[in-house]
Amino acid sequence: MRFTAIDTSAWEELKKSIEELALCMREEFGTKPEVPDLLHNGDVCRILNISKRTLQHYRDTSVLPFIQIGHKCYYKREDVEALLEKSNRKIQ
């Protein structure tokens, strides 16, 4: 491992430059986009109390929207909650 000593004023100047660069990047590209809370098959089956086959049927019939990444399916939490809310209204 190598250590390099630098002058305090050079360090402060470097920090200031990095902070200015970070500010420019935030202004140019904005803040980090909000990533949806994704659930996998097992989570959705537990939340909805359904089998994997029923979940497959929901995907096939577009009852529940999904995102496929590679060979895995993911579901937005708000979509699952909306389906749960919708099914609760039908029961009552």
N, C-alpha and C. Protein backbone atom coordinates (compact mmCIF):
# COMPACT_ATOMS: atom_id res chain seq x y z
N MET A 1 0.85 -1.17 0.00
CA MET A 1 0.00 0.00 0.00
C MET A 1 0.90 1.23 0.00
N ARG A 2 0.54 2.21 -0.83
CA ARG A 2 1.31 3.45 -0.91
C ARG A 2 0.56 4.59 -0.26
N PHE A 3 1.29 5.42 0.42
CA PHE A 3 0.72 6.63 1.01
C PHE A 3 1.41 7.83 0.39
N THR A 4 0.62 8.85 0.10
CA THR A 4 1.17 10.08 -0.45
C THR A 4 0.73 11.23 0.43
N ALA A 5 1.68 12.03 0.85
CA ALA A 5 1.37 13.18 1.69
C ALA A 5 1.15 14.39 0.79
N ILE A 6 0.07 15.14 1.08
CA ILE A 6 -0.16 16.38 0.34
C ILE A 6 -0.39 17.51 1.32
N ASP A 7 -0.12 18.69 0.86
CA ASP A 7 -0.27 19.89 1.66
C ASP A 7 -1.75 20.10 2.00
N THR A 8 -2.04 20.64 3.18
CA THR A 8 -3.41 20.87 3.62
C THR A 8 -4.16 21.79 2.66
N SER A 9 -3.50 22.82 2.19
CA SER A 9 -4.18 23.75 1.27
C SER A 9 -4.50 23.05 -0.06
N ALA A 10 -3.61 22.18 -0.52
CA ALA A 10 -3.88 21.42 -1.75
C ALA A 10 -5.05 20.48 -1.53
N TRP A 11 -5.12 19.86 -0.34
CA TRP A 11 -6.22 18.96 -0.01
C TRP A 11 -7.55 19.72 -0.01
N GLU A 12 -7.57 20.89 0.62
CA GLU A 12 -8.79 21.69 0.67
C GLU A 12 -9.22 22.13 -0.73
N GLU A 13 -8.24 22.49 -1.56
CA GLU A 13 -8.55 22.89 -2.94
C GLU A 13 -9.14 21.71 -3.72
N LEU A 14 -8.57 20.52 -3.51
CA LEU A 14 -9.08 19.32 -4.18
C LEU A 14 -10.51 19.01 -3.73
N LYS A 15 -10.77 19.10 -2.41
CA LYS A 15 -12.12 18.86 -1.89
C LYS A 15 -13.12 19.85 -2.49
N LYS A 16 -12.71 21.12 -2.56
CA LYS A 16 -13.59 22.15 -3.11
C LYS A 16 -13.90 21.85 -4.58
N SER A 17 -12.90 21.44 -5.33
CA SER A 17 -13.10 21.10 -6.75
C SER A 17 -14.06 19.93 -6.90
N ILE A 18 -13.92 18.93 -6.06
CA ILE A 18 -14.80 17.76 -6.12
C ILE A 18 -16.23 18.15 -5.77
N GLU A 19 -16.40 18.98 -4.75
CA GLU A 19 -17.74 19.43 -4.36
C GLU A 19 -18.39 20.24 -5.49
N GLU A 20 -17.61 21.10 -6.15
CA GLU A 20 -18.14 21.87 -7.27
C GLU A 20 -18.54 20.95 -8.43
N LEU A 21 -17.71 19.96 -8.69
CA LEU A 21 -18.01 18.99 -9.74
C LEU A 21 -19.29 18.21 -9.42
N ALA A 22 -19.43 17.80 -8.16
CA ALA A 22 -20.63 17.07 -7.74
C ALA A 22 -21.87 17.95 -7.91
N LEU A 23 -21.77 19.22 -7.57
CA LEU A 23 -22.89 20.15 -7.73
C LEU A 23 -23.26 20.30 -9.20
N CYS A 24 -22.26 20.44 -10.06
CA CYS A 24 -22.52 20.55 -11.50
C CYS A 24 -23.20 19.29 -12.03
N MET A 25 -22.76 18.14 -11.57
CA MET A 25 -23.35 16.87 -12.02
C MET A 25 -24.80 16.78 -11.58
N ARG A 26 -25.10 17.18 -10.33
CA ARG A 26 -26.48 17.14 -9.84
C ARG A 26 -27.36 18.08 -10.64
N GLU A 27 -26.83 19.27 -10.96
CA GLU A 27 -27.60 20.23 -11.75
C GLU A 27 -27.85 19.71 -13.16
N GLU A 28 -26.84 19.09 -13.73
CA GLU A 28 -26.94 18.60 -15.11
C GLU A 28 -27.84 17.38 -15.23
N PHE A 29 -27.64 16.42 -14.33
CA PHE A 29 -28.34 15.14 -14.45
C PHE A 29 -29.47 14.97 -13.45
N GLY A 30 -29.63 15.90 -12.55
CA GLY A 30 -30.70 15.79 -11.56
C GLY A 30 -30.35 14.79 -10.47
N THR A 31 -31.33 14.54 -9.64
CA THR A 31 -31.11 13.58 -8.57
C THR A 31 -31.32 12.17 -9.09
N LYS A 32 -30.95 11.23 -8.30
CA LYS A 32 -31.09 9.83 -8.67
C LYS A 32 -32.56 9.50 -8.87
N PRO A 33 -32.90 8.86 -9.99
CA PRO A 33 -34.32 8.53 -10.22
C PRO A 33 -34.83 7.55 -9.17
N GLU A 34 -36.09 7.69 -8.86
CA GLU A 34 -36.69 6.81 -7.86
C GLU A 34 -36.88 5.42 -8.47
N VAL A 35 -36.33 4.44 -7.80
CA VAL A 35 -36.43 3.06 -8.27
C VAL A 35 -37.63 2.42 -7.58
N PRO A 36 -38.53 1.80 -8.35
CA PRO A 36 -39.70 1.19 -7.72
C PRO A 36 -39.30 0.03 -6.82
N ASP A 37 -40.07 -0.17 -5.78
CA ASP A 37 -39.84 -1.28 -4.86
C ASP A 37 -40.32 -2.55 -5.55
N LEU A 38 -39.38 -3.42 -5.94
CA LEU A 38 -39.73 -4.62 -6.70
C LEU A 38 -39.80 -5.84 -5.80
N LEU A 39 -40.77 -6.69 -6.06
CA LEU A 39 -40.95 -7.93 -5.32
C LEU A 39 -40.75 -9.10 -6.27
N HIS A 40 -40.23 -10.20 -5.75
CA HIS A 40 -40.09 -11.39 -6.60
C HIS A 40 -41.27 -12.33 -6.38
N ASN A 41 -41.31 -13.42 -7.15
CA ASN A 41 -42.45 -14.34 -7.13
C ASN A 41 -42.84 -14.79 -5.73
N GLY A 42 -41.87 -15.21 -4.94
CA GLY A 42 -42.16 -15.72 -3.60
C GLY A 42 -42.83 -14.68 -2.72
N ASP A 43 -42.33 -13.44 -2.79
CA ASP A 43 -42.93 -12.36 -2.00
C ASP A 43 -44.39 -12.15 -2.38
N VAL A 44 -44.65 -12.10 -3.68
CA VAL A 44 -46.01 -11.84 -4.17
C VAL A 44 -46.95 -12.97 -3.77
N CYS A 45 -46.47 -14.22 -3.91
CA CYS A 45 -47.31 -15.37 -3.51
C CYS A 45 -47.68 -15.29 -2.04
N ARG A 46 -46.71 -14.91 -1.20
CA ARG A 46 -47.00 -14.81 0.25
C ARG A 46 -47.97 -13.67 0.53
N ILE A 47 -47.74 -12.52 -0.08
CA ILE A 47 -48.60 -11.36 0.17
C ILE A 47 -50.04 -11.62 -0.26
N LEU A 48 -50.21 -12.21 -1.46
CA LEU A 48 -51.55 -12.45 -1.99
C LEU A 48 -52.14 -13.79 -1.54
N ASN A 49 -51.30 -14.60 -0.90
CA ASN A 49 -51.72 -15.94 -0.46
C ASN A 49 -52.22 -16.77 -1.65
N ILE A 50 -51.38 -16.83 -2.69
CA ILE A 50 -51.70 -17.59 -3.89
C ILE A 50 -50.54 -18.52 -4.23
N SER A 51 -50.80 -19.48 -5.10
CA SER A 51 -49.75 -20.41 -5.54
C SER A 51 -48.94 -19.78 -6.67
N LYS A 52 -47.80 -20.40 -6.98
CA LYS A 52 -46.98 -19.92 -8.09
C LYS A 52 -47.73 -20.06 -9.41
N ARG A 53 -48.52 -21.11 -9.53
CA ARG A 53 -49.30 -21.32 -10.75
C ARG A 53 -50.36 -20.23 -10.93
N THR A 54 -51.00 -19.83 -9.84
CA THR A 54 -51.98 -18.74 -9.92
C THR A 54 -51.28 -17.44 -10.31
N LEU A 55 -50.11 -17.22 -9.76
CA LEU A 55 -49.34 -16.03 -10.12
C LEU A 55 -48.99 -16.05 -11.60
N GLN A 56 -48.63 -17.22 -12.11
CA GLN A 56 -48.36 -17.37 -13.55
C GLN A 56 -49.61 -17.01 -14.37
N HIS A 57 -50.77 -17.47 -13.90
CA HIS A 57 -52.04 -17.16 -14.57
C HIS A 57 -52.29 -15.65 -14.56
N TYR A 58 -52.00 -14.99 -13.44
CA TYR A 58 -52.16 -13.54 -13.35
C TYR A 58 -51.26 -12.83 -14.36
N ARG A 59 -50.04 -13.34 -14.55
CA ARG A 59 -49.14 -12.76 -15.55
C ARG A 59 -49.68 -12.98 -16.95
N ASP A 60 -50.11 -14.22 -17.23
CA ASP A 60 -50.60 -14.58 -18.57
C ASP A 60 -51.84 -13.79 -18.97
N THR A 61 -52.70 -13.50 -18.01
CA THR A 61 -53.96 -12.80 -18.30
C THR A 61 -53.89 -11.30 -18.01
N SER A 62 -52.69 -10.80 -17.74
CA SER A 62 -52.44 -9.37 -17.48
C SER A 62 -53.21 -8.85 -16.27
N VAL A 63 -53.49 -9.72 -15.32
CA VAL A 63 -54.14 -9.28 -14.08
C VAL A 63 -53.14 -8.49 -13.25
N LEU A 64 -51.88 -8.92 -13.29
CA LEU A 64 -50.83 -8.28 -12.50
C LEU A 64 -49.66 -7.95 -13.42
N PRO A 65 -49.36 -6.66 -13.61
CA PRO A 65 -48.22 -6.28 -14.45
C PRO A 65 -46.92 -6.77 -13.82
N PHE A 66 -45.94 -7.07 -14.67
CA PHE A 66 -44.65 -7.54 -14.17
C PHE A 66 -43.53 -7.01 -15.04
N ILE A 67 -42.34 -7.09 -14.50
CA ILE A 67 -41.12 -6.70 -15.20
C ILE A 67 -40.24 -7.93 -15.26
N GLN A 68 -39.75 -8.26 -16.44
CA GLN A 68 -38.88 -9.42 -16.57
C GLN A 68 -37.45 -8.94 -16.79
N ILE A 69 -36.57 -9.40 -15.93
CA ILE A 69 -35.15 -9.11 -16.04
C ILE A 69 -34.44 -10.45 -16.15
N GLY A 70 -33.90 -10.71 -17.32
CA GLY A 70 -33.34 -12.03 -17.57
C GLY A 70 -34.47 -13.03 -17.57
N HIS A 71 -34.35 -14.06 -16.75
CA HIS A 71 -35.41 -15.07 -16.65
C HIS A 71 -36.25 -14.89 -15.39
N LYS A 72 -36.07 -13.79 -14.67
CA LYS A 72 -36.81 -13.57 -13.43
C LYS A 72 -37.88 -12.51 -13.62
N CYS A 73 -39.00 -12.73 -12.95
CA CYS A 73 -40.12 -11.78 -12.99
C CYS A 73 -40.17 -11.01 -11.67
N TYR A 74 -40.40 -9.72 -11.78
CA TYR A 74 -40.53 -8.86 -10.61
C TYR A 74 -41.82 -8.06 -10.74
N TYR A 75 -42.33 -7.65 -9.61
CA TYR A 75 -43.60 -6.94 -9.56
C TYR A 75 -43.42 -5.69 -8.73
N LYS A 76 -44.03 -4.59 -9.16
CA LYS A 76 -43.99 -3.36 -8.37
C LYS A 76 -44.89 -3.54 -7.16
N ARG A 77 -44.39 -3.11 -6.02
CA ARG A 77 -45.16 -3.23 -4.78
C ARG A 77 -46.52 -2.54 -4.91
N GLU A 78 -46.56 -1.37 -5.54
CA GLU A 78 -47.85 -0.66 -5.65
C GLU A 78 -48.84 -1.42 -6.51
N ASP A 79 -48.36 -2.17 -7.52
CA ASP A 79 -49.27 -2.98 -8.34
C ASP A 79 -49.86 -4.13 -7.53
N VAL A 80 -49.02 -4.75 -6.70
CA VAL A 80 -49.49 -5.85 -5.85
C VAL A 80 -50.49 -5.33 -4.83
N GLU A 81 -50.18 -4.18 -4.23
CA GLU A 81 -51.09 -3.59 -3.24
C GLU A 81 -52.42 -3.19 -3.89
N ALA A 82 -52.36 -2.68 -5.12
CA ALA A 82 -53.59 -2.30 -5.83
C ALA A 82 -54.45 -3.53 -6.10
N LEU A 83 -53.83 -4.64 -6.49
CA LEU A 83 -54.57 -5.88 -6.73
C LEU A 83 -55.19 -6.38 -5.44
N LEU A 84 -54.44 -6.29 -4.36
CA LEU A 84 -54.94 -6.72 -3.06
C LEU A 84 -56.14 -5.86 -2.64
N GLU A 85 -56.02 -4.57 -2.85
CA GLU A 85 -57.12 -3.64 -2.53
C GLU A 85 -58.35 -3.97 -3.38
N LYS A 86 -58.14 -4.20 -4.66
CA LYS A 86 -59.23 -4.52 -5.58
C LYS A 86 -59.93 -5.82 -5.18
N SER A 87 -59.16 -6.83 -4.80
CA SER A 87 -59.76 -8.11 -4.42
C SER A 87 -60.49 -7.99 -3.08
N ASN A 88 -60.02 -7.14 -2.18
CA ASN A 88 -60.70 -6.93 -0.90
C ASN A 88 -62.04 -6.25 -1.11
N ARG A 89 -62.13 -5.35 -2.07
CA ARG A 89 -63.41 -4.69 -2.36
C ARG A 89 -64.43 -5.68 -2.87
N LYS A 90 -63.98 -6.64 -3.68
CA LYS A 90 -64.91 -7.65 -4.23
C LYS A 90 -65.44 -8.56 -3.13
N ILE A 91 -64.60 -8.88 -2.15
CA ILE A 91 -65.00 -9.79 -1.07
C ILE A 91 -66.04 -9.12 -0.17
N GLN A 92 -65.87 -7.86 0.13
CA GLN A 92 -66.76 -7.17 1.07
C GLN A 92 -68.08 -6.83 0.49
